[in-house]
Amino acid sequence: MSPRNGYDSVERGAPAARARGHMGYRRRSNPLQFTLTMVLLASLLLLAMAAITRFTVGEPILPKWFAQAMHRPQPSLPPGMTYDFEVVNPDTKIPIDTLPEVGSVEMRLAVTNDSALPMTIRFKTALQCEFIVRKVIYYVDGLFALPLEVWRSSYFHNYAPRPTSLSLQPGETKVYTATFDLNALNARELPAGTYRVIASFDRWQTSIAVDKPL
């Protein structure tokens, strides 16, 4: 039976035409969209590098203004608590700013209740204070940094997972210490350069820069 009034041939040809049109369509690139995408990626990269730098030096990853905008409070010591952090020679108790080739380094964090009321701090585990040593590699004249962790006081220690607490009376001080030993073996694994010694207490951190000379 022949097509009636030519409608059948038109209808059969329409899907093929649409398919050819679809296959032949090529989306044109938008220079503005490409530029905005590259700017966004570069901004994210810079923010990530800045966050790594803050993490390296023992500061909160989120800047204060950004944390406030996101309603994320920064980790801090309880009101009324002060601290003293030192990296000292374990024999002389004198603060040092360089790592020895072979020997020991003592890290000392003292937290004091300077308020007029008793203070209790609760921790999730038995690990209340931790000390970390990181080698810092700087880029772009010190604008960005890359941390390489070389030691942590909790290595090879088993801490009870049960919650613990620290109670301090007015004027009372709690001292946390750890010793980092540099023997003939690991001294060769710590090349000369800049290092950061970090004290972490209840998610709050502070750090001291030390160097290892050639």
N, C-alpha and C. Protein backbone atom coordinates (compact mmCIF):
# COMPACT_ATOMS: atom_id res chain seq x y z
N MET A 1 0.86 -1.18 0.00
CA MET A 1 0.00 0.00 0.00
C MET A 1 0.90 1.23 0.00
N SER A 2 0.60 2.15 -0.85
CA SER A 2 1.42 3.35 -0.98
C SER A 2 1.11 4.33 0.12
N PRO A 3 2.10 5.13 0.51
CA PRO A 3 1.87 6.14 1.56
C PRO A 3 0.76 7.07 1.15
N ARG A 4 -0.02 7.47 2.16
CA ARG A 4 -1.15 8.33 1.87
C ARG A 4 -0.74 9.77 2.05
N ASN A 5 -0.87 10.51 0.97
CA ASN A 5 -0.60 11.93 0.95
C ASN A 5 0.83 12.27 1.37
N GLY A 6 1.71 11.25 1.36
CA GLY A 6 3.11 11.53 1.67
C GLY A 6 3.43 11.68 3.13
N TYR A 7 2.44 11.46 4.03
CA TYR A 7 2.69 11.69 5.46
C TYR A 7 3.61 10.62 6.04
N ASP A 8 3.45 9.39 5.57
CA ASP A 8 4.23 8.29 6.16
C ASP A 8 5.71 8.47 5.92
N SER A 9 6.09 8.89 4.74
CA SER A 9 7.52 9.09 4.44
C SER A 9 8.09 10.23 5.26
N VAL A 10 7.30 11.24 5.51
CA VAL A 10 7.78 12.35 6.32
C VAL A 10 8.03 11.91 7.75
N GLU A 11 7.06 11.11 8.29
CA GLU A 11 7.20 10.66 9.67
C GLU A 11 8.38 9.73 9.84
N ARG A 12 8.63 8.87 8.82
CA ARG A 12 9.77 7.98 8.90
C ARG A 12 11.08 8.74 8.82
N GLY A 13 11.09 9.77 8.07
CA GLY A 13 12.33 10.53 7.91
C GLY A 13 12.64 11.44 9.08
N ALA A 14 11.63 11.76 9.91
CA ALA A 14 11.85 12.71 11.00
C ALA A 14 12.81 12.20 12.06
N PRO A 15 12.65 10.93 12.56
CA PRO A 15 13.61 10.45 13.57
C PRO A 15 15.03 10.43 13.07
N ALA A 16 15.24 10.05 11.81
CA ALA A 16 16.58 10.03 11.25
C ALA A 16 17.17 11.42 11.21
N ALA A 17 16.32 12.40 10.84
CA ALA A 17 16.81 13.78 10.79
C ALA A 17 17.19 14.27 12.17
N ARG A 18 16.34 13.92 13.16
CA ARG A 18 16.65 14.35 14.53
C ARG A 18 17.93 13.70 15.02
N ALA A 19 18.12 12.42 14.67
CA ALA A 19 19.33 11.73 15.09
C ALA A 19 20.55 12.36 14.46
N ARG A 20 20.46 12.70 13.15
CA ARG A 20 21.60 13.34 12.50
C ARG A 20 21.89 14.69 13.12
N GLY A 21 20.82 15.40 13.46
CA GLY A 21 21.03 16.70 14.08
C GLY A 21 21.65 16.58 15.45
N HIS A 22 21.23 15.55 16.20
CA HIS A 22 21.79 15.35 17.55
C HIS A 22 23.26 14.95 17.48
N MET A 23 23.61 14.05 16.54
CA MET A 23 24.99 13.62 16.40
C MET A 23 25.87 14.75 15.89
N GLY A 24 25.30 15.62 15.11
CA GLY A 24 26.12 16.69 14.55
C GLY A 24 26.27 17.88 15.47
N TYR A 25 25.58 17.86 16.63
CA TYR A 25 25.64 19.00 17.55
C TYR A 25 26.90 18.92 18.40
N ARG A 26 27.65 19.95 18.48
CA ARG A 26 28.86 20.01 19.29
C ARG A 26 28.78 21.24 20.19
N ARG A 27 28.94 21.00 21.50
CA ARG A 27 28.83 22.10 22.45
C ARG A 27 30.05 23.00 22.36
N ARG A 28 29.81 24.25 22.18
CA ARG A 28 30.91 25.21 22.10
C ARG A 28 31.43 25.55 23.49
N SER A 29 32.75 25.62 23.61
CA SER A 29 33.36 25.98 24.90
C SER A 29 33.18 27.47 25.15
N ASN A 30 32.89 27.78 26.39
CA ASN A 30 32.69 29.16 26.79
C ASN A 30 33.96 29.66 27.47
N PRO A 31 34.68 30.63 26.90
CA PRO A 31 35.93 31.10 27.51
C PRO A 31 35.74 31.61 28.93
N LEU A 32 34.63 32.28 29.18
CA LEU A 32 34.38 32.80 30.53
C LEU A 32 34.20 31.65 31.53
N GLN A 33 33.44 30.63 31.13
CA GLN A 33 33.22 29.49 32.01
C GLN A 33 34.53 28.75 32.28
N PHE A 34 35.36 28.60 31.28
CA PHE A 34 36.66 27.95 31.47
C PHE A 34 37.55 28.75 32.42
N THR A 35 37.55 30.06 32.26
CA THR A 35 38.37 30.92 33.12
C THR A 35 37.90 30.84 34.57
N LEU A 36 36.59 30.89 34.77
CA LEU A 36 36.06 30.81 36.13
C LEU A 36 36.38 29.46 36.77
N THR A 37 36.31 28.39 35.97
CA THR A 37 36.64 27.06 36.50
C THR A 37 38.10 26.99 36.94
N MET A 38 39.00 27.53 36.12
CA MET A 38 40.43 27.51 36.47
C MET A 38 40.71 28.36 37.69
N VAL A 39 40.02 29.50 37.81
CA VAL A 39 40.20 30.36 39.00
C VAL A 39 39.71 29.64 40.24
N LEU A 40 38.58 28.94 40.13
CA LEU A 40 38.05 28.19 41.27
C LEU A 40 39.00 27.08 41.70
N LEU A 41 39.54 26.34 40.74
CA LEU A 41 40.47 25.26 41.06
C LEU A 41 41.75 25.81 41.69
N ALA A 42 42.24 26.94 41.17
CA ALA A 42 43.44 27.54 41.74
C ALA A 42 43.17 28.03 43.17
N SER A 43 42.00 28.58 43.40
CA SER A 43 41.65 29.05 44.74
C SER A 43 41.56 27.89 45.72
N LEU A 44 40.95 26.78 45.29
CA LEU A 44 40.85 25.61 46.16
C LEU A 44 42.24 25.05 46.47
N LEU A 45 43.13 25.07 45.49
CA LEU A 45 44.49 24.59 45.71
C LEU A 45 45.22 25.47 46.72
N LEU A 46 45.07 26.78 46.58
CA LEU A 46 45.72 27.70 47.52
C LEU A 46 45.16 27.52 48.93
N LEU A 47 43.84 27.34 49.04
CA LEU A 47 43.24 27.14 50.36
C LEU A 47 43.74 25.84 50.98
N ALA A 48 43.86 24.79 50.16
CA ALA A 48 44.36 23.52 50.69
C ALA A 48 45.80 23.66 51.17
N MET A 49 46.63 24.36 50.41
CA MET A 49 48.03 24.55 50.81
C MET A 49 48.12 25.42 52.07
N ALA A 50 47.25 26.42 52.16
CA ALA A 50 47.24 27.25 53.36
C ALA A 50 46.81 26.44 54.58
N ALA A 51 45.84 25.55 54.40
CA ALA A 51 45.41 24.69 55.51
C ALA A 51 46.52 23.76 55.96
N ILE A 52 47.27 23.22 54.99
CA ILE A 52 48.41 22.36 55.34
C ILE A 52 49.45 23.16 56.10
N THR A 53 49.67 24.40 55.69
CA THR A 53 50.65 25.25 56.39
C THR A 53 50.22 25.49 57.83
N ARG A 54 48.97 25.78 58.06
CA ARG A 54 48.48 26.01 59.42
C ARG A 54 48.57 24.73 60.24
N PHE A 55 48.27 23.61 59.62
CA PHE A 55 48.40 22.32 60.31
C PHE A 55 49.85 22.04 60.68
N THR A 56 50.77 22.43 59.81
CA THR A 56 52.19 22.20 60.06
C THR A 56 52.66 22.92 61.31
N VAL A 57 52.26 24.15 61.48
CA VAL A 57 52.75 24.95 62.60
C VAL A 57 51.89 24.80 63.85
N GLY A 58 50.95 23.85 63.82
CA GLY A 58 50.16 23.59 65.02
C GLY A 58 49.04 24.56 65.26
N GLU A 59 48.56 25.22 64.22
CA GLU A 59 47.44 26.14 64.36
C GLU A 59 46.16 25.49 63.84
N PRO A 60 44.99 25.98 64.24
CA PRO A 60 43.74 25.44 63.69
C PRO A 60 43.72 25.57 62.17
N ILE A 61 43.23 24.54 61.51
CA ILE A 61 43.22 24.54 60.04
C ILE A 61 42.35 25.67 59.50
N LEU A 62 41.21 25.92 60.13
CA LEU A 62 40.32 26.99 59.69
C LEU A 62 40.78 28.32 60.28
N PRO A 63 40.98 29.35 59.47
CA PRO A 63 41.28 30.67 60.02
C PRO A 63 40.16 31.14 60.95
N LYS A 64 40.49 32.02 61.87
CA LYS A 64 39.53 32.45 62.87
C LYS A 64 38.29 33.08 62.25
N TRP A 65 38.50 33.97 61.25
CA TRP A 65 37.36 34.64 60.63
C TRP A 65 36.46 33.66 59.90
N PHE A 66 37.07 32.62 59.26
CA PHE A 66 36.27 31.64 58.54
C PHE A 66 35.52 30.73 59.51
N ALA A 67 36.18 30.37 60.61
CA ALA A 67 35.52 29.53 61.61
C ALA A 67 34.33 30.25 62.23
N GLN A 68 34.48 31.57 62.46
CA GLN A 68 33.37 32.33 63.01
C GLN A 68 32.22 32.42 62.01
N ALA A 69 32.55 32.59 60.73
CA ALA A 69 31.50 32.67 59.71
C ALA A 69 30.76 31.35 59.59
N MET A 70 31.46 30.25 59.80
CA MET A 70 30.85 28.92 59.71
C MET A 70 30.28 28.45 61.05
N HIS A 71 30.41 29.31 62.06
CA HIS A 71 29.92 28.98 63.41
C HIS A 71 30.60 27.71 63.94
N ARG A 72 31.91 27.62 63.66
CA ARG A 72 32.71 26.50 64.16
C ARG A 72 33.74 27.06 65.13
N PRO A 73 33.53 26.95 66.43
CA PRO A 73 34.47 27.54 67.39
C PRO A 73 35.85 26.90 67.30
N GLN A 74 36.87 27.72 67.47
CA GLN A 74 38.24 27.24 67.42
C GLN A 74 38.58 26.49 68.71
N PRO A 75 39.36 25.40 68.62
CA PRO A 75 39.83 24.75 69.84
C PRO A 75 40.67 25.71 70.67
N SER A 76 40.42 25.77 71.95
CA SER A 76 41.15 26.69 72.82
C SER A 76 41.18 26.11 74.23
N LEU A 77 42.06 26.66 75.04
CA LEU A 77 42.11 26.26 76.44
C LEU A 77 40.88 26.79 77.17
N PRO A 78 40.46 26.12 78.22
CA PRO A 78 39.31 26.62 78.98
C PRO A 78 39.60 28.01 79.55
N PRO A 79 38.59 28.84 79.70
CA PRO A 79 38.80 30.17 80.28
C PRO A 79 39.45 30.08 81.66
N GLY A 80 40.46 30.89 81.86
CA GLY A 80 41.16 30.88 83.14
C GLY A 80 42.37 29.97 83.18
N MET A 81 42.59 29.18 82.13
CA MET A 81 43.75 28.29 82.09
C MET A 81 44.87 28.92 81.26
N THR A 82 46.09 28.87 81.80
CA THR A 82 47.26 29.35 81.08
C THR A 82 48.22 28.18 80.87
N TYR A 83 49.21 28.40 80.02
CA TYR A 83 50.13 27.31 79.72
C TYR A 83 51.55 27.83 79.55
N ASP A 84 52.49 26.89 79.63
CA ASP A 84 53.90 27.16 79.34
C ASP A 84 54.44 25.94 78.61
N PHE A 85 54.95 26.16 77.41
CA PHE A 85 55.46 25.07 76.58
C PHE A 85 56.93 25.31 76.28
N GLU A 86 57.75 24.28 76.54
CA GLU A 86 59.19 24.40 76.34
C GLU A 86 59.74 23.12 75.72
N VAL A 87 60.81 23.30 74.96
CA VAL A 87 61.63 22.19 74.48
C VAL A 87 62.99 22.38 75.12
N VAL A 88 63.38 21.45 75.98
CA VAL A 88 64.56 21.67 76.82
C VAL A 88 65.54 20.52 76.70
N ASN A 89 66.77 20.80 77.14
CA ASN A 89 67.77 19.76 77.32
C ASN A 89 67.41 18.98 78.58
N PRO A 90 67.23 17.66 78.52
CA PRO A 90 66.78 16.93 79.70
C PRO A 90 67.77 16.93 80.86
N ASP A 91 69.04 17.21 80.58
CA ASP A 91 70.05 17.22 81.64
C ASP A 91 70.14 18.57 82.33
N THR A 92 70.15 19.64 81.53
CA THR A 92 70.32 20.98 82.10
C THR A 92 69.00 21.71 82.31
N LYS A 93 67.91 21.22 81.68
CA LYS A 93 66.60 21.87 81.74
C LYS A 93 66.61 23.26 81.10
N ILE A 94 67.57 23.51 80.24
CA ILE A 94 67.67 24.79 79.54
C ILE A 94 66.96 24.68 78.20
N PRO A 95 66.10 25.66 77.85
CA PRO A 95 65.41 25.60 76.55
C PRO A 95 66.39 25.57 75.39
N ILE A 96 66.06 24.82 74.36
CA ILE A 96 66.91 24.70 73.19
C ILE A 96 66.11 25.07 71.95
N ASP A 97 66.81 25.50 70.89
CA ASP A 97 66.15 25.80 69.63
C ASP A 97 66.78 25.03 68.48
N THR A 98 67.66 24.06 68.80
CA THR A 98 68.25 23.20 67.79
C THR A 98 68.21 21.75 68.28
N LEU A 99 68.04 20.84 67.35
CA LEU A 99 68.06 19.42 67.67
C LEU A 99 69.49 18.90 67.61
N PRO A 100 69.90 18.10 68.58
CA PRO A 100 71.25 17.53 68.53
C PRO A 100 71.35 16.43 67.49
N GLU A 101 72.56 16.14 67.05
CA GLU A 101 72.76 15.03 66.13
C GLU A 101 72.45 13.72 66.82
N VAL A 102 72.93 13.57 68.04
CA VAL A 102 72.64 12.41 68.88
C VAL A 102 72.39 12.90 70.29
N GLY A 103 71.35 12.42 70.91
CA GLY A 103 71.01 12.85 72.26
C GLY A 103 69.52 12.78 72.49
N SER A 104 69.06 13.49 73.51
CA SER A 104 67.64 13.49 73.88
C SER A 104 67.12 14.91 73.96
N VAL A 105 65.83 15.02 73.68
CA VAL A 105 65.12 16.30 73.76
C VAL A 105 63.87 16.07 74.61
N GLU A 106 63.66 16.96 75.57
CA GLU A 106 62.48 16.84 76.43
C GLU A 106 61.47 17.92 76.09
N MET A 107 60.23 17.50 75.93
CA MET A 107 59.13 18.43 75.68
C MET A 107 58.30 18.55 76.95
N ARG A 108 57.95 19.78 77.29
CA ARG A 108 57.30 20.02 78.58
C ARG A 108 56.15 21.02 78.39
N LEU A 109 54.93 20.54 78.67
CA LEU A 109 53.75 21.42 78.63
C LEU A 109 53.17 21.49 80.04
N ALA A 110 53.11 22.70 80.58
CA ALA A 110 52.53 22.93 81.90
C ALA A 110 51.25 23.75 81.74
N VAL A 111 50.15 23.22 82.24
CA VAL A 111 48.87 23.94 82.21
C VAL A 111 48.49 24.30 83.64
N THR A 112 48.05 25.54 83.84
CA THR A 112 47.78 26.07 85.18
C THR A 112 46.38 26.65 85.25
N ASN A 113 45.71 26.37 86.35
CA ASN A 113 44.40 26.97 86.61
C ASN A 113 44.63 28.31 87.29
N ASP A 114 44.55 29.38 86.52
CA ASP A 114 44.74 30.73 87.04
C ASP A 114 43.43 31.39 87.44
N SER A 115 42.36 30.64 87.45
CA SER A 115 41.08 31.21 87.85
C SER A 115 40.90 31.06 89.36
N ALA A 116 39.82 31.62 89.86
CA ALA A 116 39.55 31.56 91.30
C ALA A 116 38.68 30.37 91.69
N LEU A 117 38.34 29.54 90.70
CA LEU A 117 37.46 28.40 90.96
C LEU A 117 38.12 27.10 90.52
N PRO A 118 37.76 25.99 91.11
CA PRO A 118 38.27 24.69 90.64
C PRO A 118 37.85 24.44 89.19
N MET A 119 38.66 23.66 88.51
CA MET A 119 38.45 23.43 87.08
C MET A 119 38.59 21.93 86.80
N THR A 120 37.68 21.40 85.99
CA THR A 120 37.74 20.00 85.59
C THR A 120 37.62 19.91 84.08
N ILE A 121 38.55 19.20 83.45
CA ILE A 121 38.56 18.99 82.01
C ILE A 121 38.37 17.50 81.75
N ARG A 122 37.49 17.17 80.84
CA ARG A 122 37.21 15.78 80.55
C ARG A 122 37.77 15.41 79.17
N PHE A 123 38.37 14.22 79.10
CA PHE A 123 38.97 13.71 77.88
C PHE A 123 38.28 12.42 77.46
N LYS A 124 38.30 12.14 76.18
CA LYS A 124 37.63 10.95 75.67
C LYS A 124 38.41 9.67 75.99
N THR A 125 39.73 9.78 76.11
CA THR A 125 40.57 8.62 76.39
C THR A 125 41.57 8.97 77.48
N ALA A 126 42.47 8.03 77.76
CA ALA A 126 43.53 8.27 78.74
C ALA A 126 44.64 9.16 78.19
N LEU A 127 44.66 9.38 76.89
CA LEU A 127 45.65 10.26 76.29
C LEU A 127 45.19 11.70 76.42
N GLN A 128 45.78 12.43 77.34
CA GLN A 128 45.38 13.81 77.59
C GLN A 128 46.25 14.81 76.84
N CYS A 129 47.52 14.49 76.69
CA CYS A 129 48.45 15.39 76.01
C CYS A 129 49.36 14.58 75.11
N GLU A 130 49.62 15.10 73.95
CA GLU A 130 50.47 14.40 72.98
C GLU A 130 51.46 15.37 72.37
N PHE A 131 52.68 14.90 72.15
CA PHE A 131 53.73 15.70 71.55
C PHE A 131 54.09 15.12 70.19
N ILE A 132 54.31 16.00 69.22
CA ILE A 132 54.56 15.60 67.84
C ILE A 132 55.76 16.39 67.31
N VAL A 133 56.59 15.71 66.52
CA VAL A 133 57.71 16.37 65.84
C VAL A 133 57.49 16.21 64.34
N ARG A 134 57.48 17.33 63.63
CA ARG A 134 57.30 17.31 62.18
C ARG A 134 58.43 18.08 61.51
N LYS A 135 58.93 17.50 60.42
CA LYS A 135 59.85 18.25 59.57
C LYS A 135 59.03 19.11 58.63
N VAL A 136 59.44 20.35 58.45
CA VAL A 136 58.67 21.30 57.66
C VAL A 136 59.47 21.68 56.42
N ILE A 137 58.87 21.48 55.26
CA ILE A 137 59.47 21.88 53.99
C ILE A 137 58.69 23.08 53.47
N TYR A 138 59.38 24.21 53.34
CA TYR A 138 58.72 25.45 52.94
C TYR A 138 58.86 25.68 51.44
N TYR A 139 57.82 26.33 50.88
CA TYR A 139 57.80 26.68 49.46
C TYR A 139 57.42 28.16 49.32
N VAL A 140 57.79 28.72 48.19
CA VAL A 140 57.44 30.11 47.84
C VAL A 140 57.88 31.04 48.97
N ASP A 141 59.15 30.99 49.31
CA ASP A 141 59.72 31.86 50.34
C ASP A 141 58.98 31.75 51.67
N GLY A 142 58.58 30.52 52.01
CA GLY A 142 57.94 30.31 53.31
C GLY A 142 56.45 30.56 53.32
N LEU A 143 55.86 30.87 52.14
CA LEU A 143 54.42 31.15 52.12
C LEU A 143 53.60 29.88 52.38
N PHE A 144 54.08 28.74 51.87
CA PHE A 144 53.40 27.47 52.07
C PHE A 144 54.37 26.47 52.67
N ALA A 145 53.81 25.48 53.35
CA ALA A 145 54.64 24.49 54.02
C ALA A 145 54.04 23.11 53.86
N LEU A 146 54.91 22.11 53.87
CA LEU A 146 54.50 20.71 53.79
C LEU A 146 55.04 19.98 55.02
N PRO A 147 54.16 19.38 55.85
CA PRO A 147 54.62 18.69 57.06
C PRO A 147 54.93 17.23 56.81
N LEU A 148 56.02 16.76 57.39
CA LEU A 148 56.38 15.35 57.36
C LEU A 148 56.58 14.90 58.80
N GLU A 149 55.65 14.11 59.30
CA GLU A 149 55.73 13.70 60.69
C GLU A 149 56.86 12.69 60.88
N VAL A 150 57.70 12.92 61.90
CA VAL A 150 58.83 12.02 62.16
C VAL A 150 58.73 11.34 63.51
N TRP A 151 57.92 11.86 64.42
CA TRP A 151 57.83 11.25 65.74
C TRP A 151 56.56 11.74 66.43
N ARG A 152 56.00 10.85 67.26
CA ARG A 152 54.81 11.17 68.04
C ARG A 152 54.93 10.44 69.38
N SER A 153 54.62 11.13 70.46
CA SER A 153 54.83 10.55 71.79
C SER A 153 53.93 9.35 72.05
N SER A 154 52.85 9.21 71.30
CA SER A 154 51.93 8.08 71.51
C SER A 154 52.35 6.82 70.75
N TYR A 155 53.43 6.92 69.95
CA TYR A 155 53.89 5.74 69.23
C TYR A 155 54.20 4.61 70.20
N PHE A 156 53.72 3.41 69.87
CA PHE A 156 54.02 2.19 70.63
C PHE A 156 53.53 2.28 72.08
N HIS A 157 52.50 3.08 72.31
CA HIS A 157 51.88 3.16 73.63
C HIS A 157 50.40 2.80 73.51
N ASN A 158 49.94 2.05 74.45
CA ASN A 158 48.52 1.69 74.49
C ASN A 158 47.83 2.52 75.58
N TYR A 159 46.89 3.35 75.16
CA TYR A 159 46.15 4.18 76.09
C TYR A 159 44.74 3.64 76.24
N ALA A 160 44.29 3.62 77.47
CA ALA A 160 42.95 3.09 77.75
C ALA A 160 41.90 3.93 77.00
N PRO A 161 40.95 3.29 76.35
CA PRO A 161 39.93 4.04 75.61
C PRO A 161 38.87 4.67 76.49
N ARG A 162 38.91 4.42 77.78
CA ARG A 162 37.88 4.97 78.66
C ARG A 162 38.11 6.46 78.89
N PRO A 163 37.06 7.22 79.14
CA PRO A 163 37.19 8.66 79.41
C PRO A 163 37.98 8.91 80.70
N THR A 164 38.73 10.01 80.69
CA THR A 164 39.47 10.44 81.88
C THR A 164 39.20 11.92 82.11
N SER A 165 39.67 12.42 83.23
CA SER A 165 39.45 13.83 83.56
C SER A 165 40.67 14.39 84.28
N LEU A 166 40.80 15.70 84.23
CA LEU A 166 41.87 16.42 84.93
C LEU A 166 41.21 17.50 85.78
N SER A 167 41.46 17.45 87.09
CA SER A 167 40.90 18.44 88.02
C SER A 167 42.04 19.27 88.59
N LEU A 168 41.88 20.58 88.51
CA LEU A 168 42.89 21.52 89.02
C LEU A 168 42.23 22.51 89.97
N GLN A 169 42.85 22.65 91.12
CA GLN A 169 42.43 23.67 92.06
C GLN A 169 43.00 25.03 91.64
N PRO A 170 42.47 26.13 92.14
CA PRO A 170 43.03 27.44 91.78
C PRO A 170 44.53 27.51 92.07
N GLY A 171 45.29 27.89 91.06
CA GLY A 171 46.74 27.99 91.20
C GLY A 171 47.47 26.68 90.98
N GLU A 172 46.77 25.58 90.80
CA GLU A 172 47.43 24.28 90.62
C GLU A 172 47.87 24.09 89.17
N THR A 173 49.01 23.38 89.00
CA THR A 173 49.60 23.16 87.68
C THR A 173 49.77 21.67 87.42
N LYS A 174 49.47 21.27 86.19
CA LYS A 174 49.72 19.91 85.73
C LYS A 174 50.77 19.96 84.63
N VAL A 175 51.82 19.13 84.76
CA VAL A 175 52.92 19.15 83.82
C VAL A 175 52.93 17.83 83.05
N TYR A 176 52.94 17.94 81.72
CA TYR A 176 53.06 16.77 80.83
C TYR A 176 54.45 16.82 80.18
N THR A 177 55.12 15.68 80.14
CA THR A 177 56.46 15.63 79.55
C THR A 177 56.58 14.42 78.63
N ALA A 178 57.51 14.50 77.70
CA ALA A 178 57.85 13.38 76.82
C ALA A 178 59.29 13.59 76.36
N THR A 179 59.98 12.50 76.10
CA THR A 179 61.38 12.56 75.68
C THR A 179 61.53 11.96 74.29
N PHE A 180 62.17 12.73 73.43
CA PHE A 180 62.46 12.30 72.06
C PHE A 180 63.95 11.98 71.98
N ASP A 181 64.26 10.70 71.75
CA ASP A 181 65.65 10.25 71.71
C ASP A 181 66.14 10.18 70.27
N LEU A 182 67.28 10.81 70.02
CA LEU A 182 67.93 10.74 68.72
C LEU A 182 69.19 9.88 68.88
N ASN A 183 69.10 8.65 68.46
CA ASN A 183 70.26 7.77 68.52
C ASN A 183 70.96 7.73 67.16
N ALA A 184 71.96 6.90 67.06
CA ALA A 184 72.75 6.86 65.82
C ALA A 184 71.91 6.40 64.64
N LEU A 185 70.84 5.63 64.90
CA LEU A 185 70.00 5.14 63.81
C LEU A 185 69.05 6.20 63.29
N ASN A 186 68.21 6.76 64.18
CA ASN A 186 67.22 7.71 63.68
C ASN A 186 67.80 9.10 63.42
N ALA A 187 69.01 9.37 63.93
CA ALA A 187 69.63 10.66 63.62
C ALA A 187 69.88 10.78 62.13
N ARG A 188 70.25 9.67 61.49
CA ARG A 188 70.48 9.71 60.04
C ARG A 188 69.17 9.84 59.27
N GLU A 189 68.07 9.48 59.92
CA GLU A 189 66.77 9.59 59.27
C GLU A 189 66.17 10.99 59.41
N LEU A 190 66.80 11.84 60.20
CA LEU A 190 66.33 13.22 60.38
C LEU A 190 67.32 14.16 59.72
N PRO A 191 67.09 14.53 58.48
CA PRO A 191 68.03 15.43 57.80
C PRO A 191 68.00 16.83 58.39
N ALA A 192 69.02 17.60 58.06
CA ALA A 192 69.08 18.98 58.52
C ALA A 192 67.91 19.76 57.94
N GLY A 193 67.43 20.73 58.69
CA GLY A 193 66.31 21.54 58.23
C GLY A 193 65.52 22.10 59.39
N THR A 194 64.31 22.55 59.09
CA THR A 194 63.43 23.16 60.08
C THR A 194 62.40 22.14 60.56
N TYR A 195 62.19 22.11 61.86
CA TYR A 195 61.23 21.18 62.46
C TYR A 195 60.27 21.96 63.35
N ARG A 196 59.12 21.36 63.60
CA ARG A 196 58.12 21.92 64.51
C ARG A 196 57.83 20.89 65.59
N VAL A 197 57.94 21.32 66.84
CA VAL A 197 57.58 20.48 67.98
C VAL A 197 56.22 20.98 68.46
N ILE A 198 55.25 20.09 68.48
CA ILE A 198 53.86 20.47 68.74
C ILE A 198 53.36 19.77 69.99
N ALA A 199 52.66 20.51 70.82
CA ALA A 199 51.96 19.96 71.98
C ALA A 199 50.47 20.05 71.71
N SER A 200 49.80 18.90 71.80
CA SER A 200 48.36 18.83 71.56
C SER A 200 47.66 18.47 72.86
N PHE A 201 46.77 19.35 73.32
CA PHE A 201 46.08 19.17 74.59
C PHE A 201 44.59 19.40 74.38
N ASP A 202 43.82 18.31 74.45
CA ASP A 202 42.37 18.41 74.30
C ASP A 202 41.98 19.15 73.02
N ARG A 203 42.58 18.73 71.89
CA ARG A 203 42.34 19.29 70.55
C ARG A 203 42.95 20.67 70.36
N TRP A 204 43.43 21.31 71.42
CA TRP A 204 44.12 22.59 71.29
C TRP A 204 45.61 22.31 71.07
N GLN A 205 46.26 23.12 70.24
CA GLN A 205 47.66 22.88 69.92
C GLN A 205 48.48 24.16 70.02
N THR A 206 49.75 23.98 70.35
CA THR A 206 50.73 25.05 70.28
C THR A 206 52.03 24.42 69.80
N SER A 207 52.94 25.22 69.28
CA SER A 207 54.14 24.65 68.69
C SER A 207 55.34 25.56 68.86
N ILE A 208 56.52 24.99 68.73
CA ILE A 208 57.79 25.69 68.79
C ILE A 208 58.63 25.24 67.59
N ALA A 209 59.28 26.19 66.93
CA ALA A 209 60.15 25.87 65.80
C ALA A 209 61.55 25.56 66.30
N VAL A 210 62.12 24.49 65.80
CA VAL A 210 63.50 24.11 66.11
C VAL A 210 64.19 23.75 64.80
N ASP A 211 65.50 23.92 64.78
CA ASP A 211 66.28 23.60 63.59
C ASP A 211 67.23 22.45 63.88
N LYS A 212 67.59 21.74 62.84
CA LYS A 212 68.65 20.75 62.95
C LYS A 212 69.75 21.18 61.99
N PRO A 213 70.90 21.60 62.51
CA PRO A 213 71.96 22.12 61.65
C PRO A 213 72.63 21.01 60.85
N LEU A 214 73.38 21.42 59.86
CA LEU A 214 74.13 20.47 59.02
C LEU A 214 75.21 19.79 59.85
